[in-house]
């Protein structure tokens, strides 16, 4: 499992990603669907579907990102992953752990 640094609730959750093949070359994501969800680690309850933004695959092959507000996310440990699919082939990333912590300045 991969762990990200803690995120304060209310801050924007942004993550940039690159999908690579087994040789380390970036995948062309043009025809690939990407989904991601964030869930509570304790209850597995869905917090939200994460919006995937694919970058221009001609200039930035394999690159995509997520940018989302976290105002309503619960304090505690959350889990997320990425699911890439093309026709009947589905591949999921490692699970990523993210601690949501209370913001002091509200």
PDB file of N, CA and C in Angstrom:
ATOM      1  N   UNK A   1       0.840  -1.169   0.000  1.00  0.00           N
ATOM      2  CA  UNK A   1       0.000   0.000   0.000  1.00  0.00           C
ATOM      3  C   UNK A   1       0.888   1.236   0.000  1.00  0.00           C
ATOM      4  N   UNK A   2       0.459   2.228  -0.738  1.00  0.00           N
ATOM      5  CA  UNK A   2       1.157   3.508  -0.825  1.00  0.00           C
ATOM      6  C   UNK A   2       0.488   4.488   0.126  1.00  0.00           C
ATOM      7  N   UNK A   3       1.254   5.307   0.824  1.00  0.00           N
ATOM      8  CA  UNK A   3       0.701   6.331   1.707  1.00  0.00           C
ATOM      9  C   UNK A   3       1.075   7.716   1.201  1.00  0.00           C
ATOM     10  N   UNK A   4       0.098   8.603   1.157  1.00  0.00           N
ATOM     11  CA  UNK A   4       0.333   9.996   0.805  1.00  0.00           C
ATOM     12  C   UNK A   4       0.482  10.815   2.085  1.00  0.00           C
ATOM     13  N   UNK A   5       1.089  11.995   2.004  1.00  0.00           N
ATOM     14  CA  UNK A   5       1.156  12.870   3.180  1.00  0.00           C
ATOM     15  C   UNK A   5      -0.261  13.250   3.622  1.00  0.00           C
ATOM     16  N   UNK A   6      -0.455  13.565   4.900  1.00  0.00           N
ATOM     17  CA  UNK A   6      -1.787  13.968   5.381  1.00  0.00           C
ATOM     18  C   UNK A   6      -2.316  15.182   4.622  1.00  0.00           C
ATOM     19  N   UNK A   7      -3.635  15.248   4.535  1.00  0.00           N
ATOM     20  CA  UNK A   7      -4.320  16.345   3.858  1.00  0.00           C
ATOM     21  C   UNK A   7      -5.315  16.963   4.832  1.00  0.00           C
ATOM     22  N   UNK A   8      -5.299  18.279   4.953  1.00  0.00           N
ATOM     23  CA  UNK A   8      -6.258  18.939   5.835  1.00  0.00           C
ATOM     24  C   UNK A   8      -7.606  19.055   5.128  1.00  0.00           C
ATOM     25  N   UNK A   9      -8.679  18.659   5.868  1.00  0.00           N
ATOM     26  CA  UNK A   9     -10.018  18.761   5.299  1.00  0.00           C
ATOM     27  C   UNK A   9     -10.276  20.221   4.936  1.00  0.00           C
ATOM     28  N   UNK A  10     -10.825  20.421   3.758  1.00  0.00           N
ATOM     29  CA  UNK A  10     -11.074  21.762   3.237  1.00  0.00           C
ATOM     30  C   UNK A  10     -10.046  22.199   2.219  1.00  0.00           C
ATOM     31  N   UNK A  11      -8.858  21.582   2.244  1.00  0.00           N
ATOM     32  CA  UNK A  11      -7.847  21.878   1.231  1.00  0.00           C
ATOM     33  C   UNK A  11      -8.205  21.137  -0.059  1.00  0.00           C
ATOM     34  N   UNK A  12      -7.699  21.624  -1.171  1.00  0.00           N
ATOM     35  CA  UNK A  12      -7.920  20.947  -2.448  1.00  0.00           C
ATOM     36  C   UNK A  12      -7.026  19.723  -2.522  1.00  0.00           C
ATOM     37  N   UNK A  13      -7.632  18.581  -2.855  1.00  0.00           N
ATOM     38  CA  UNK A  13      -6.866  17.365  -3.075  1.00  0.00           C
ATOM     39  C   UNK A  13      -6.472  17.357  -4.538  1.00  0.00           C
ATOM     40  N   UNK A  14      -5.176  17.432  -4.804  1.00  0.00           N
ATOM     41  CA  UNK A  14      -4.655  17.401  -6.170  1.00  0.00           C
ATOM     42  C   UNK A  14      -3.589  16.328  -6.240  1.00  0.00           C
ATOM     43  N   UNK A  15      -3.682  15.523  -7.271  1.00  0.00           N
ATOM     44  CA  UNK A  15      -2.644  14.534  -7.508  1.00  0.00           C
ATOM     45  C   UNK A  15      -2.466  14.386  -9.021  1.00  0.00           C
ATOM     46  N   UNK A  16      -1.214  14.402  -9.450  1.00  0.00           N
ATOM     47  CA  UNK A  16      -0.883  14.179 -10.850  1.00  0.00           C
ATOM     48  C   UNK A  16      -0.309  12.782 -11.000  1.00  0.00           C
ATOM     49  N   UNK A  17      -0.713  12.086 -12.058  1.00  0.00           N
ATOM     50  CA  UNK A  17      -0.316  10.684 -12.242  1.00  0.00           C
ATOM     51  C   UNK A  17       0.164  10.432 -13.668  1.00  0.00           C
ATOM     52  N   UNK A  18       0.968   9.381 -13.816  1.00  0.00           N
ATOM     53  CA  UNK A  18       1.400   8.914 -15.126  1.00  0.00           C
ATOM     54  C   UNK A  18       1.200   7.407 -15.174  1.00  0.00           C
ATOM     55  N   UNK A  19       0.494   6.939 -16.172  1.00  0.00           N
ATOM     56  CA  UNK A  19       0.317   5.506 -16.391  1.00  0.00           C
ATOM     57  C   UNK A  19       1.419   5.022 -17.330  1.00  0.00           C
ATOM     58  N   UNK A  20       2.166   4.002 -16.863  1.00  0.00           N
ATOM     59  CA  UNK A  20       3.277   3.481 -17.658  1.00  0.00           C
ATOM     60  C   UNK A  20       3.112   1.990 -17.891  1.00  0.00           C
ATOM     61  N   UNK A  21       3.681   1.499 -18.990  1.00  0.00           N
ATOM     62  CA  UNK A  21       3.656   0.066 -19.259  1.00  0.00           C
ATOM     63  C   UNK A  21       4.809  -0.619 -18.522  1.00  0.00           C
ATOM     64  N   UNK A  22       4.963  -1.910 -18.747  1.00  0.00           N
ATOM     65  CA  UNK A  22       5.968  -2.691 -18.010  1.00  0.00           C
ATOM     66  C   UNK A  22       7.405  -2.277 -18.319  1.00  0.00           C
ATOM     67  N   UNK A  23       7.621  -1.555 -19.418  1.00  0.00           N
ATOM     68  CA  UNK A  23       8.967  -1.093 -19.756  1.00  0.00           C
ATOM     69  C   UNK A  23       9.242   0.313 -19.225  1.00  0.00           C
ATOM     70  N   UNK A  24       8.215   0.950 -18.648  1.00  0.00           N
ATOM     71  CA  UNK A  24       8.369   2.296 -18.134  1.00  0.00           C
ATOM     72  C   UNK A  24       7.952   3.379 -19.111  1.00  0.00           C
ATOM     73  N   UNK A  25       7.490   2.974 -20.298  1.00  0.00           N
ATOM     74  CA  UNK A  25       7.019   3.948 -21.280  1.00  0.00           C
ATOM     75  C   UNK A  25       5.591   4.362 -20.948  1.00  0.00           C
ATOM     76  N   UNK A  26       5.247   5.634 -21.147  1.00  0.00           N
ATOM     77  CA  UNK A  26       3.883   6.079 -20.835  1.00  0.00           C
ATOM     78  C   UNK A  26       2.848   5.445 -21.766  1.00  0.00           C
ATOM     79  N   UNK A  27       1.701   5.092 -21.194  1.00  0.00           N
ATOM     80  CA  UNK A  27       0.585   4.550 -21.982  1.00  0.00           C
ATOM     81  C   UNK A  27      -0.192   5.688 -22.622  1.00  0.00           C
ATOM     82  N   UNK A  28      -0.669   5.471 -23.833  1.00  0.00           N
ATOM     83  CA  UNK A  28      -1.589   6.411 -24.459  1.00  0.00           C
ATOM     84  C   UNK A  28      -2.967   6.141 -23.856  1.00  0.00           C
ATOM     85  N   UNK A  29      -3.534   7.104 -23.163  1.00  0.00           N
ATOM     86  CA  UNK A  29      -4.800   6.930 -22.457  1.00  0.00           C
ATOM     87  C   UNK A  29      -6.019   7.362 -23.274  1.00  0.00           C
ATOM     88  N   UNK A  30      -5.823   7.672 -24.553  1.00  0.00           N
ATOM     89  CA  UNK A  30      -6.903   8.210 -25.374  1.00  0.00           C
ATOM     90  C   UNK A  30      -8.171   7.365 -25.290  1.00  0.00           C
ATOM     91  N   UNK A  31      -8.081   6.057 -25.448  1.00  0.00           N
ATOM     92  CA  UNK A  31      -9.262   5.183 -25.462  1.00  0.00           C
ATOM     93  C   UNK A  31      -9.457   4.429 -24.151  1.00  0.00           C
ATOM     94  N   UNK A  32      -8.721   4.791 -23.132  1.00  0.00           N
ATOM     95  CA  UNK A  32      -8.793   4.087 -21.850  1.00  0.00           C
ATOM     96  C   UNK A  32      -9.690   4.871 -20.888  1.00  0.00           C
ATOM     97  N   UNK A  33     -10.616   4.163 -20.250  1.00  0.00           N
ATOM     98  CA  UNK A  33     -11.449   4.778 -19.216  1.00  0.00           C
ATOM     99  C   UNK A  33     -10.694   4.702 -17.893  1.00  0.00           C
ATOM    100  N   UNK A  34     -10.754   5.774 -17.116  1.00  0.00           N
ATOM    101  CA  UNK A  34     -10.116   5.799 -15.798  1.00  0.00           C
ATOM    102  C   UNK A  34     -11.174   6.191 -14.778  1.00  0.00           C
ATOM    103  N   UNK A  35     -11.265   5.393 -13.716  1.00  0.00           N
ATOM    104  CA  UNK A  35     -12.177   5.694 -12.614  1.00  0.00           C
ATOM    105  C   UNK A  35     -11.389   5.679 -11.316  1.00  0.00           C
ATOM    106  N   UNK A  36     -11.892   6.430 -10.350  1.00  0.00           N
ATOM    107  CA  UNK A  36     -11.279   6.424  -9.035  1.00  0.00           C
ATOM    108  C   UNK A  36     -12.327   6.816  -8.003  1.00  0.00           C
ATOM    109  N   UNK A  37     -12.256   6.179  -6.862  1.00  0.00           N
ATOM    110  CA  UNK A  37     -13.143   6.497  -5.746  1.00  0.00           C
ATOM    111  C   UNK A  37     -12.298   6.624  -4.494  1.00  0.00           C
ATOM    112  N   UNK A  38     -12.793   7.433  -3.565  1.00  0.00           N
ATOM    113  CA  UNK A  38     -12.171   7.499  -2.251  1.00  0.00           C
ATOM    114  C   UNK A  38     -13.201   7.002  -1.248  1.00  0.00           C
ATOM    115  N   UNK A  39     -12.743   6.123  -0.337  1.00  0.00           N
ATOM    116  CA  UNK A  39     -13.625   5.493   0.643  1.00  0.00           C
ATOM    117  C   UNK A  39     -13.011   5.581   2.027  1.00  0.00           C
ATOM    118  N   UNK A  40     -13.875   5.526   3.028  1.00  0.00           N
ATOM    119  CA  UNK A  40     -13.419   5.448   4.418  1.00  0.00           C
ATOM    120  C   UNK A  40     -12.714   4.103   4.605  1.00  0.00           C
ATOM    121  N   UNK A  41     -11.538   4.113   5.216  1.00  0.00           N
ATOM    122  CA  UNK A  41     -10.824   2.858   5.475  1.00  0.00           C
ATOM    123  C   UNK A  41     -11.573   2.014   6.499  1.00  0.00           C
ATOM    124  N   UNK A  42     -12.220   2.662   7.462  1.00  0.00           N
ATOM    125  CA  UNK A  42     -12.893   1.931   8.546  1.00  0.00           C
ATOM    126  C   UNK A  42     -14.187   1.274   8.086  1.00  0.00           C
ATOM    127  N   UNK A  43     -14.994   1.995   7.314  1.00  0.00           N
ATOM    128  CA  UNK A  43     -16.328   1.487   6.956  1.00  0.00           C
ATOM    129  C   UNK A  43     -16.454   1.074   5.498  1.00  0.00           C
ATOM    130  N   UNK A  44     -15.489   1.447   4.665  1.00  0.00           N
ATOM    131  CA  UNK A  44     -15.507   1.232   3.210  1.00  0.00           C
ATOM    132  C   UNK A  44     -16.610   2.035   2.526  1.00  0.00           C
ATOM    133  N   UNK A  45     -17.233   2.973   3.269  1.00  0.00           N
ATOM    134  CA  UNK A  45     -18.286   3.820   2.722  1.00  0.00           C
ATOM    135  C   UNK A  45     -17.694   4.765   1.678  1.00  0.00           C
ATOM    136  N   UNK A  46     -18.397   4.892   0.560  1.00  0.00           N
ATOM    137  CA  UNK A  46     -17.968   5.789  -0.507  1.00  0.00           C
ATOM    138  C   UNK A  46     -18.041   7.236  -0.037  1.00  0.00           C
ATOM    139  N   UNK A  47     -16.947   7.964  -0.195  1.00  0.00           N
ATOM    140  CA  UNK A  47     -16.921   9.391   0.106  1.00  0.00           C
ATOM    141  C   UNK A  47     -17.272  10.162  -1.159  1.00  0.00           C
ATOM    142  N   UNK A  48     -16.589   9.836  -2.250  1.00  0.00           N
ATOM    143  CA  UNK A  48     -16.901  10.465  -3.535  1.00  0.00           C
ATOM    144  C   UNK A  48     -16.200   9.726  -4.669  1.00  0.00           C
ATOM    145  N   UNK A  49     -16.779   9.853  -5.867  1.00  0.00           N
ATOM    146  CA  UNK A  49     -16.086   9.461  -7.085  1.00  0.00           C
ATOM    147  C   UNK A  49     -15.152  10.610  -7.424  1.00  0.00           C
ATOM    148  N   UNK A  50     -13.923  10.305  -7.716  1.00  0.00           N
ATOM    149  CA  UNK A  50     -12.937  11.352  -7.985  1.00  0.00           C
ATOM    150  C   UNK A  50     -12.943  11.710  -9.471  1.00  0.00           C
ATOM    151  N   UNK A  51     -12.943  13.004  -9.789  1.00  0.00           N
ATOM    152  CA  UNK A  51     -12.973  13.432 -11.198  1.00  0.00           C
ATOM    153  C   UNK A  51     -11.599  13.263 -11.850  1.00  0.00           C
ATOM    154  N   UNK A  52     -11.543  12.469 -12.889  1.00  0.00           N
ATOM    155  CA  UNK A  52     -10.290  12.221 -13.612  1.00  0.00           C
ATOM    156  C   UNK A  52     -10.174  13.216 -14.760  1.00  0.00           C
ATOM    157  N   UNK A  53      -9.024  13.872 -14.846  1.00  0.00           N
ATOM    158  CA  UNK A  53      -8.748  14.807 -15.925  1.00  0.00           C
ATOM    159  C   UNK A  53      -7.581  14.244 -16.731  1.00  0.00           C
ATOM    160  N   UNK A  54      -7.874  13.766 -17.943  1.00  0.00           N
ATOM    161  CA  UNK A  54      -6.794  13.279 -18.813  1.00  0.00           C
ATOM    162  C   UNK A  54      -6.161  14.462 -19.525  1.00  0.00           C
ATOM    163  N   UNK A  55      -4.839  14.529 -19.474  1.00  0.00           N
ATOM    164  CA  UNK A  55      -4.135  15.572 -20.202  1.00  0.00           C
ATOM    165  C   UNK A  55      -4.082  15.206 -21.683  1.00  0.00           C
ATOM    166  N   UNK A  56      -3.740  16.167 -22.517  1.00  0.00           N
ATOM    167  CA  UNK A  56      -3.613  15.926 -23.951  1.00  0.00           C
ATOM    168  C   UNK A  56      -2.599  14.807 -24.167  1.00  0.00           C
ATOM    169  N   UNK A  57      -3.051  13.690 -24.715  1.00  0.00           N
ATOM    170  CA  UNK A  57      -2.198  12.498 -24.837  1.00  0.00           C
ATOM    171  C   UNK A  57      -1.153  12.617 -25.930  1.00  0.00           C
ATOM    172  N   UNK A  58      -1.284  13.592 -26.823  1.00  0.00           N
ATOM    173  CA  UNK A  58      -0.241  13.834 -27.817  1.00  0.00           C
ATOM    174  C   UNK A  58       0.968  14.493 -27.161  1.00  0.00           C
ATOM    175  N   UNK A  59       0.690  15.480 -26.313  1.00  0.00           N
ATOM    176  CA  UNK A  59       1.771  16.204 -25.633  1.00  0.00           C
ATOM    177  C   UNK A  59       2.212  15.546 -24.340  1.00  0.00           C
ATOM    178  N   UNK A  60       1.263  14.939 -23.622  1.00  0.00           N
ATOM    179  CA  UNK A  60       1.536  14.389 -22.294  1.00  0.00           C
ATOM    180  C   UNK A  60       1.019  12.952 -22.192  1.00  0.00           C
ATOM    181  N   UNK A  61       1.600  12.033 -22.947  1.00  0.00           N
ATOM    182  CA  UNK A  61       1.081  10.659 -22.933  1.00  0.00           C
ATOM    183  C   UNK A  61       1.129  10.046 -21.532  1.00  0.00           C
ATOM    184  N   UNK A  62       0.042   9.363 -21.183  1.00  0.00           N
ATOM    185  CA  UNK A  62      -0.044   8.655 -19.923  1.00  0.00           C
ATOM    186  C   UNK A  62      -0.410   9.518 -18.728  1.00  0.00           C
ATOM    187  N   UNK A  63      -0.493  10.837 -18.909  1.00  0.00           N
ATOM    188  CA  UNK A  63      -0.699  11.718 -17.766  1.00  0.00           C
ATOM    189  C   UNK A  63      -2.171  12.041 -17.540  1.00  0.00           C
ATOM    190  N   UNK A  64      -2.551  12.004 -16.238  1.00  0.00           N
ATOM    191  CA  UNK A  64      -3.884  12.415 -15.825  1.00  0.00           C
ATOM    192  C   UNK A  64      -3.789  12.975 -14.415  1.00  0.00           C
ATOM    193  N   UNK A  65      -4.830  13.667 -13.993  1.00  0.00           N
ATOM    194  CA  UNK A  65      -4.805  14.268 -12.670  1.00  0.00           C
ATOM    195  C   UNK A  65      -6.193  14.269 -12.043  1.00  0.00           C
ATOM    196  N   UNK A  66      -6.202  14.603 -10.747  1.00  0.00           N
ATOM    197  CA  UNK A  66      -7.434  14.772  -9.977  1.00  0.00           C
ATOM    198  C   UNK A  66      -7.281  16.082  -9.224  1.00  0.00           C
ATOM    199  N   UNK A  67      -8.346  16.875  -9.199  1.00  0.00           N
ATOM    200  CA  UNK A  67      -8.385  18.082  -8.390  1.00  0.00           C
ATOM    201  C   UNK A  67      -9.807  18.207  -7.861  1.00  0.00           C
ATOM    202  N   UNK A  68      -9.954  18.161  -6.521  1.00  0.00           N
ATOM    203  CA  UNK A  68     -11.298  18.145  -5.933  1.00  0.00           C
ATOM    204  C   UNK A  68     -11.275  18.784  -4.546  1.00  0.00           C
ATOM    205  N   UNK A  69     -12.356  19.469  -4.195  1.00  0.00           N
ATOM    206  CA  UNK A  69     -12.506  20.054  -2.862  1.00  0.00           C
ATOM    207  C   UNK A  69     -12.766  18.948  -1.843  1.00  0.00           C
ATOM    208  N   UNK A  70     -12.344  19.174  -0.603  1.00  0.00           N
ATOM    209  CA  UNK A  70     -12.464  18.149   0.442  1.00  0.00           C
ATOM    210  C   UNK A  70     -13.277  18.637   1.642  1.00  0.00           C
ATOM    211  N   UNK A  71     -14.080  19.668   1.455  1.00  0.00           N
ATOM    212  CA  UNK A  71     -14.831  20.269   2.565  1.00  0.00           C
ATOM    213  C   UNK A  71     -15.696  19.273   3.324  1.00  0.00           C
ATOM    214  N   UNK A  72     -16.256  18.287   2.643  1.00  0.00           N
ATOM    215  CA  UNK A  72     -17.181  17.336   3.275  1.00  0.00           C
ATOM    216  C   UNK A  72     -16.544  15.984   3.586  1.00  0.00           C
ATOM    217  N   UNK A  73     -15.256  15.851   3.373  1.00  0.00           N
ATOM    218  CA  UNK A  73     -14.610  14.566   3.618  1.00  0.00           C
ATOM    219  C   UNK A  73     -14.471  14.337   5.119  1.00  0.00           C
ATOM    220  N   UNK A  74     -14.634  13.103   5.553  1.00  0.00           N
ATOM    221  CA  UNK A  74     -14.524  12.817   6.988  1.00  0.00           C
ATOM    222  C   UNK A  74     -13.064  12.835   7.465  1.00  0.00           C
ATOM    223  N   UNK A  75     -12.874  13.178   8.720  1.00  0.00           N
ATOM    224  CA  UNK A  75     -11.557  13.097   9.337  1.00  0.00           C
ATOM    225  C   UNK A  75     -11.239  11.612   9.537  1.00  0.00           C
ATOM    226  N   UNK A  76     -10.030  11.207   9.224  1.00  0.00           N
ATOM    227  CA  UNK A  76      -9.621   9.820   9.407  1.00  0.00           C
ATOM    228  C   UNK A  76      -8.910   9.279   8.182  1.00  0.00           C
ATOM    229  N   UNK A  77      -8.703   7.975   8.179  1.00  0.00           N
ATOM    230  CA  UNK A  77      -7.984   7.309   7.101  1.00  0.00           C
ATOM    231  C   UNK A  77      -8.925   6.980   5.958  1.00  0.00           C
ATOM    232  N   UNK A  78      -8.498   7.319   4.752  1.00  0.00           N
ATOM    233  CA  UNK A  78      -9.262   7.017   3.546  1.00  0.00           C
ATOM    234  C   UNK A  78      -8.395   6.190   2.604  1.00  0.00           C
ATOM    235  N   UNK A  79      -9.058   5.492   1.704  1.00  0.00           N
ATOM    236  CA  UNK A  79      -8.379   4.665   0.708  1.00  0.00           C
ATOM    237  C   UNK A  79      -8.860   5.048  -0.681  1.00  0.00           C
ATOM    238  N   UNK A  80      -7.952   4.998  -1.644  1.00  0.00           N
ATOM    239  CA  UNK A  80      -8.327   5.218  -3.033  1.00  0.00           C
ATOM    240  C   UNK A  80      -7.449   4.392  -3.931  1.00  0.00           C
ATOM    241  N   UNK A  81      -7.911   4.183  -5.140  1.00  0.00           N
ATOM    242  CA  UNK A  81      -7.098   3.561  -6.173  1.00  0.00           C
ATOM    243  C   UNK A  81      -7.590   4.050  -7.522  1.00  0.00           C
ATOM    244  N   UNK A  82      -6.926   3.613  -8.577  1.00  0.00           N
ATOM    245  CA  UNK A  82      -7.300   3.971  -9.938  1.00  0.00           C
ATOM    246  C   UNK A  82      -7.607   2.687 -10.690  1.00  0.00           C
ATOM    247  N   UNK A  83      -8.673   2.728 -11.469  1.00  0.00           N
ATOM    248  CA  UNK A  83      -9.053   1.577 -12.288  1.00  0.00           C
ATOM    249  C   UNK A  83      -9.031   2.025 -13.744  1.00  0.00           C
ATOM    250  N   UNK A  84      -8.174   1.389 -14.529  1.00  0.00           N
ATOM    251  CA  UNK A  84      -8.061   1.687 -15.949  1.00  0.00           C
ATOM    252  C   UNK A  84      -8.676   0.542 -16.723  1.00  0.00           C
ATOM    253  N   UNK A  85      -9.517   0.856 -17.710  1.00  0.00           N
ATOM    254  CA  UNK A  85     -10.157  -0.218 -18.471  1.00  0.00           C
ATOM    255  C   UNK A  85     -10.206   0.124 -19.957  1.00  0.00           C
ATOM    256  N   UNK A  86     -10.049  -0.914 -20.739  1.00  0.00           N
ATOM    257  CA  UNK A  86     -10.154  -0.853 -22.195  1.00  0.00           C
ATOM    258  C   UNK A  86     -10.863  -2.119 -22.617  1.00  0.00           C
ATOM    259  N   UNK A  87     -12.085  -1.960 -23.104  1.00  0.00           N
ATOM    260  CA  UNK A  87     -12.941  -3.094 -23.452  1.00  0.00           C
ATOM    261  C   UNK A  87     -13.107  -3.997 -22.233  1.00  0.00           C
ATOM    262  N   UNK A  88     -12.696  -5.254 -22.304  1.00  0.00           N
ATOM    263  CA  UNK A  88     -12.912  -6.162 -21.173  1.00  0.00           C
ATOM    264  C   UNK A  88     -11.691  -6.289 -20.257  1.00  0.00           C
ATOM    265  N   UNK A  89     -10.639  -5.525 -20.531  1.00  0.00           N
ATOM    266  CA  UNK A  89      -9.432  -5.573 -19.712  1.00  0.00           C
ATOM    267  C   UNK A  89      -9.505  -4.465 -18.656  1.00  0.00           C
ATOM    268  N   UNK A  90      -9.392  -4.862 -17.388  1.00  0.00           N
ATOM    269  CA  UNK A  90      -9.427  -3.917 -16.275  1.00  0.00           C
ATOM    270  C   UNK A  90      -8.166  -4.097 -15.442  1.00  0.00           C
ATOM    271  N   UNK A  91      -7.490  -2.986 -15.156  1.00  0.00           N
ATOM    272  CA  UNK A  91      -6.280  -3.019 -14.341  1.00  0.00           C
ATOM    273  C   UNK A  91      -6.431  -1.961 -13.248  1.00  0.00           C
ATOM    274  N   UNK A  92      -6.151  -2.351 -12.015  1.00  0.00           N
ATOM    275  CA  UNK A  92      -6.239  -1.420 -10.892  1.00  0.00           C
ATOM    276  C   UNK A  92      -4.846  -1.119 -10.348  1.00  0.00           C
ATOM    277  N   UNK A  93      -4.689   0.092  -9.854  1.00  0.00           N
ATOM    278  CA  UNK A  93      -3.425   0.498  -9.233  1.00  0.00           C
ATOM    279  C   UNK A  93      -3.327  -0.100  -7.841  1.00  0.00           C
ATOM    280  N   UNK A  94      -2.182   0.099  -7.210  1.00  0.00           N
ATOM    281  CA  UNK A  94      -2.065  -0.208  -5.788  1.00  0.00           C
ATOM    282  C   UNK A  94      -3.060   0.665  -5.034  1.00  0.00           C
ATOM    283  N   UNK A  95      -3.454   0.206  -3.863  1.00  0.00           N
ATOM    284  CA  UNK A  95      -4.311   1.012  -3.000  1.00  0.00           C
ATOM    285  C   UNK A  95      -3.468   2.109  -2.356  1.00  0.00           C
ATOM    286  N   UNK A  96      -4.048   3.290  -2.266  1.00  0.00           N
ATOM    287  CA  UNK A  96      -3.361   4.453  -1.711  1.00  0.00           C
ATOM    288  C   UNK A  96      -4.083   4.865  -0.430  1.00  0.00           C
ATOM    289  N   UNK A  97      -3.305   5.078   0.628  1.00  0.00           N
ATOM    290  CA  UNK A  97      -3.859   5.496   1.915  1.00  0.00           C
ATOM    291  C   UNK A  97      -3.651   6.993   2.083  1.00  0.00           C
ATOM    292  N   UNK A  98      -4.704   7.681   2.557  1.00  0.00           N
ATOM    293  CA  UNK A  98      -4.643   9.122   2.743  1.00  0.00           C
ATOM    294  C   UNK A  98      -5.288   9.477   4.078  1.00  0.00           C
ATOM    295  N   UNK A  99      -4.535  10.171   4.930  1.00  0.00           N
ATOM    296  CA  UNK A  99      -5.065  10.648   6.207  1.00  0.00           C
ATOM    297  C   UNK A  99      -5.678  12.031   6.002  1.00  0.00           C
ATOM    298  N   UNK A 100      -6.952  12.166   6.371  1.00  0.00           N
ATOM    299  CA  UNK A 100      -7.605  13.467   6.360  1.00  0.00           C
ATOM    300  C   UNK A 100      -7.569  13.984   7.792  1.00  0.00           C
ATOM    301  N   UNK A 101      -6.990  15.170   7.972  1.00  0.00           N
ATOM    302  CA  UNK A 101      -6.854  15.734   9.321  1.00  0.00           C
ATOM    303  C   UNK A 101      -7.635  17.041   9.420  1.00  0.00           C
ATOM    304  N   UNK A 102      -7.945  17.417  10.648  1.00  0.00           N
ATOM    305  CA  UNK A 102      -8.712  18.629  10.910  1.00  0.00           C
ATOM    306  C   UNK A 102      -7.878  19.868  10.568  1.00  0.00           C
ATOM    307  N   UNK A 103      -8.524  20.827   9.927  1.00  0.00           N
ATOM    308  CA  UNK A 103      -7.889  22.095   9.600  1.00  0.00           C
ATOM    309  C   UNK A 103      -8.017  23.039  10.787  1.00  0.00           C
ATOM    310  N   UNK A 104      -6.996  23.781  11.089  1.00  0.00           N
ATOM    311  CA  UNK A 104      -7.006  24.709  12.211  1.00  0.00           C
ATOM    312  C   UNK A 104      -7.633  26.047  11.806  1.00  0.00           C
ATOM    313  N   UNK A 105      -7.274  26.525  10.630  1.00  0.00           N
ATOM    314  CA  UNK A 105      -7.811  27.787  10.140  1.00  0.00           C
ATOM    315  C   UNK A 105      -9.033  27.497   9.288  1.00  0.00           C
ATOM    316  N   UNK A 106     -10.209  27.837   9.813  1.00  0.00           N
ATOM    317  CA  UNK A 106     -11.451  27.536   9.092  1.00  0.00           C
ATOM    318  C   UNK A 106     -12.229  28.797   8.756  1.00  0.00           C
TER     319      UNK A 106
END
